[in-house]
Amino acid sequence: QVELAESGGGLVQPEGSLRLSCIYSGDFFGQNVIHWYRQAPGKERDLVASISPGKSTHYADFVKGRFTIYRDNAKRTVYLQMNSLKPEDTAVYYCYAQNFVNGVTYWGEGTLVTVSS
């Protein structure tokens, strides 16, 4: 059984920074593409960034140049470094694991990021 635990959310002022962490508990971390999604109140859940086991990355246009996703395979942790935060980045951020071998997927519980002065 896989569990994902996000942390690092909180209140930050515009133009500030936060680093989110997603700790993966369970087997086969190396078979998983890890994604960060976000969901603002009243809106759909959107893909923010993704990273493959080989550390190839993908970003949504609205975070390119501001957010960086990276993974530490030894620690089974994926990070999302968020810089130059804007009020519109306010959302619950979710970690999502997608096993490319067997297709099994898992969601974390989410961590709230609030960008406000």
C-alpha atoms as a PDB file:
ATOM      1  CA  GLN A   1       0.000   0.000   0.000  1.00  0.00           C
ATOM      2  CA  VAL A   2       1.309   3.428  -0.986  1.00  0.00           C
ATOM      3  CA  GLU A   3       0.746   6.593   0.986  1.00  0.00           C
ATOM      4  CA  LEU A   4       1.605  10.125  -0.041  1.00  0.00           C
ATOM      5  CA  ALA A   5       2.117  12.823   2.571  1.00  0.00           C
ATOM      6  CA  GLU A   6       2.312  16.466   1.518  1.00  0.00           C
ATOM      7  CA  SER A   7       3.714  19.209   3.707  1.00  0.00           C
ATOM      8  CA  GLY A   8       5.076  22.732   3.457  1.00  0.00           C
ATOM      9  CA  GLY A   9       1.937  24.708   2.764  1.00  0.00           C
ATOM     10  CA  GLY A  10       1.018  27.865   4.618  1.00  0.00           C
ATOM     11  CA  LEU A  11       0.422  31.588   4.346  1.00  0.00           C
ATOM     12  CA  VAL A  12       2.903  33.620   2.301  1.00  0.00           C
ATOM     13  CA  GLN A  13       2.943  37.157   0.964  1.00  0.00           C
ATOM     14  CA  PRO A  14       2.879  37.883  -2.765  1.00  0.00           C
ATOM     15  CA  GLU A  15       6.308  37.427  -4.365  1.00  0.00           C
ATOM     16  CA  GLY A  16       7.257  35.081  -1.533  1.00  0.00           C
ATOM     17  CA  SER A  17       8.419  31.472  -1.735  1.00  0.00           C
ATOM     18  CA  LEU A  18       7.406  28.102  -0.355  1.00  0.00           C
ATOM     19  CA  ARG A  19       8.690  24.579  -0.807  1.00  0.00           C
ATOM     20  CA  LEU A  20       6.225  21.725  -0.765  1.00  0.00           C
ATOM     21  CA  SER A  21       7.268  18.152  -0.046  1.00  0.00           C
ATOM     22  CA  CYS A  22       5.592  14.899  -0.989  1.00  0.00           C
ATOM     23  CA  ILE A  23       6.880  11.872   0.904  1.00  0.00           C
ATOM     24  CA  TYR A  24       6.125   8.516  -0.743  1.00  0.00           C
ATOM     25  CA  SER A  25       5.691   5.553   1.594  1.00  0.00           C
ATOM     26  CA  GLY A  26       5.605   2.141  -0.018  1.00  0.00           C
ATOM     27  CA  ASP A  27       7.281   0.117  -2.730  1.00  0.00           C
ATOM     28  CA  PHE A  28       8.126   0.917  -6.345  1.00  0.00           C
ATOM     29  CA  PHE A  29       8.822   4.624  -5.963  1.00  0.00           C
ATOM     30  CA  GLY A  30      11.151   4.324  -8.944  1.00  0.00           C
ATOM     31  CA  GLN A  31       8.246   3.214 -11.154  1.00  0.00           C
ATOM     32  CA  ASN A  32       6.179   6.292 -10.460  1.00  0.00           C
ATOM     33  CA  VAL A  33       5.704   9.537 -12.276  1.00  0.00           C
ATOM     34  CA  ILE A  34       4.884  12.067  -9.570  1.00  0.00           C
ATOM     35  CA  HIS A  35       2.632  15.027 -10.256  1.00  0.00           C
ATOM     36  CA  TRP A  36       1.611  18.103  -8.326  1.00  0.00           C
ATOM     37  CA  TYR A  37      -1.946  19.280  -8.878  1.00  0.00           C
ATOM     38  CA  ARG A  38      -3.779  22.191  -7.342  1.00  0.00           C
ATOM     39  CA  GLN A  39      -7.392  23.081  -6.750  1.00  0.00           C
ATOM     40  CA  ALA A  40      -8.609  26.548  -5.914  1.00  0.00           C
ATOM     41  CA  PRO A  41     -12.027  27.066  -4.296  1.00  0.00           C
ATOM     42  CA  GLY A  42     -14.809  26.570  -6.823  1.00  0.00           C
ATOM     43  CA  LYS A  43     -12.411  25.505  -9.573  1.00  0.00           C
ATOM     44  CA  GLU A  44     -11.258  22.290 -11.167  1.00  0.00           C
ATOM     45  CA  ARG A  45      -8.109  20.467 -10.136  1.00  0.00           C
ATOM     46  CA  ASP A  46      -5.276  21.476 -12.464  1.00  0.00           C
ATOM     47  CA  LEU A  47      -1.940  19.857 -13.217  1.00  0.00           C
ATOM     48  CA  VAL A  48       0.935  22.039 -12.014  1.00  0.00           C
ATOM     49  CA  ALA A  49       4.077  19.989 -12.652  1.00  0.00           C
ATOM     50  CA  SER A  50       5.263  16.428 -13.221  1.00  0.00           C
ATOM     51  CA  ILE A  51       8.514  14.533 -12.857  1.00  0.00           C
ATOM     52  CA  SER A  52       9.433  11.105 -14.188  1.00  0.00           C
ATOM     53  CA  PRO A  53      11.638   8.525 -12.458  1.00  0.00           C
ATOM     54  CA  GLY A  54      14.431   9.691 -14.776  1.00  0.00           C
ATOM     55  CA  LYS A  55      13.795  13.291 -13.642  1.00  0.00           C
ATOM     56  CA  SER A  56      12.279  14.597 -16.849  1.00  0.00           C
ATOM     57  CA  THR A  57       9.945  17.445 -15.968  1.00  0.00           C
ATOM     58  CA  HIS A  58       6.825  19.101 -17.294  1.00  0.00           C
ATOM     59  CA  TYR A  59       5.222  22.354 -16.171  1.00  0.00           C
ATOM     60  CA  ALA A  60       1.918  24.062 -16.709  1.00  0.00           C
ATOM     61  CA  ASP A  61       2.328  27.345 -18.557  1.00  0.00           C
ATOM     62  CA  PHE A  62       1.051  29.321 -15.590  1.00  0.00           C
ATOM     63  CA  VAL A  63       3.991  28.244 -13.384  1.00  0.00           C
ATOM     64  CA  LYS A  64       6.844  28.068 -15.890  1.00  0.00           C
ATOM     65  CA  GLY A  65       9.828  30.063 -14.703  1.00  0.00           C
ATOM     66  CA  ARG A  66       8.468  30.305 -11.147  1.00  0.00           C
ATOM     67  CA  PHE A  67       8.054  26.729  -9.908  1.00  0.00           C
ATOM     68  CA  THR A  68      10.568  23.884  -9.936  1.00  0.00           C
ATOM     69  CA  ILE A  69       9.795  20.215  -9.363  1.00  0.00           C
ATOM     70  CA  TYR A  70      12.545  17.818  -8.338  1.00  0.00           C
ATOM     71  CA  ARG A  71      12.864  14.470  -6.668  1.00  0.00           C
ATOM     72  CA  ASP A  72      15.245  12.781  -4.268  1.00  0.00           C
ATOM     73  CA  ASN A  73      14.920   9.096  -5.062  1.00  0.00           C
ATOM     74  CA  ALA A  74      16.954   8.054  -2.024  1.00  0.00           C
ATOM     75  CA  LYS A  75      14.500   9.880   0.260  1.00  0.00           C
ATOM     76  CA  ARG A  76      11.448   8.931  -1.827  1.00  0.00           C
ATOM     77  CA  THR A  77      10.462  12.556  -1.783  1.00  0.00           C
ATOM     78  CA  VAL A  78       9.314  14.967  -4.472  1.00  0.00           C
ATOM     79  CA  TYR A  79       9.546  18.690  -3.932  1.00  0.00           C
ATOM     80  CA  LEU A  80       7.844  21.667  -5.482  1.00  0.00           C
ATOM     81  CA  GLN A  81       9.814  24.873  -5.058  1.00  0.00           C
ATOM     82  CA  MET A  82       7.468  27.808  -5.598  1.00  0.00           C
ATOM     83  CA  ASN A  83       8.900  31.285  -6.121  1.00  0.00           C
ATOM     84  CA  SER A  84       7.347  34.632  -7.039  1.00  0.00           C
ATOM     85  CA  LEU A  85       4.028  33.471  -5.670  1.00  0.00           C
ATOM     86  CA  LYS A  86       0.874  35.284  -6.713  1.00  0.00           C
ATOM     87  CA  PRO A  87      -2.543  35.469  -5.050  1.00  0.00           C
ATOM     88  CA  GLU A  88      -3.916  33.312  -7.884  1.00  0.00           C
ATOM     89  CA  ASP A  89      -1.582  30.511  -6.757  1.00  0.00           C
ATOM     90  CA  THR A  90      -3.763  30.114  -3.674  1.00  0.00           C
ATOM     91  CA  ALA A  91      -5.065  26.544  -3.671  1.00  0.00           C
ATOM     92  CA  VAL A  92      -4.831  23.149  -2.078  1.00  0.00           C
ATOM     93  CA  TYR A  93      -1.832  21.396  -3.621  1.00  0.00           C
ATOM     94  CA  TYR A  94      -2.013  17.649  -4.088  1.00  0.00           C
ATOM     95  CA  CYS A  95       0.623  15.038  -4.780  1.00  0.00           C
ATOM     96  CA  TYR A  96      -0.357  12.306  -7.262  1.00  0.00           C
ATOM     97  CA  ALA A  97       1.634   9.163  -8.003  1.00  0.00           C
ATOM     98  CA  GLN A  98       1.190   7.250 -11.239  1.00  0.00           C
ATOM     99  CA  ASN A  99       2.893   3.878 -11.600  1.00  0.00           C
ATOM    100  CA  PHE A 100       3.839   3.509 -15.273  1.00  0.00           C
ATOM    101  CA  VAL A 101       4.313  -0.278 -14.959  1.00  0.00           C
ATOM    102  CA  ASN A 102       1.000  -1.369 -13.432  1.00  0.00           C
ATOM    103  CA  GLY A 103      -1.095   1.788 -13.842  1.00  0.00           C
ATOM    104  CA  VAL A 104      -1.963   2.124 -10.167  1.00  0.00           C
ATOM    105  CA  THR A 105      -2.414   5.685  -8.943  1.00  0.00           C
ATOM    106  CA  TYR A 106      -2.544   7.354  -5.539  1.00  0.00           C
ATOM    107  CA  TRP A 107      -3.496  10.791  -4.234  1.00  0.00           C
ATOM    108  CA  GLY A 108      -2.262  12.573  -1.165  1.00  0.00           C
ATOM    109  CA  GLU A 109      -4.499  14.535   1.189  1.00  0.00           C
ATOM    110  CA  GLY A 110      -3.265  17.928   0.041  1.00  0.00           C
ATOM    111  CA  THR A 111      -1.636  20.953   1.638  1.00  0.00           C
ATOM    112  CA  LEU A 112      -3.100  24.447   1.582  1.00  0.00           C
ATOM    113  CA  VAL A 113      -1.133  27.335   0.124  1.00  0.00           C
ATOM    114  CA  THR A 114      -2.489  30.826   0.696  1.00  0.00           C
ATOM    115  CA  VAL A 115      -0.855  33.811  -0.985  1.00  0.00           C
ATOM    116  CA  SER A 116      -2.061  37.038   0.538  1.00  0.00           C
ATOM    117  CA  SER A 117      -0.808  40.289   1.977  1.00  0.00           C
END
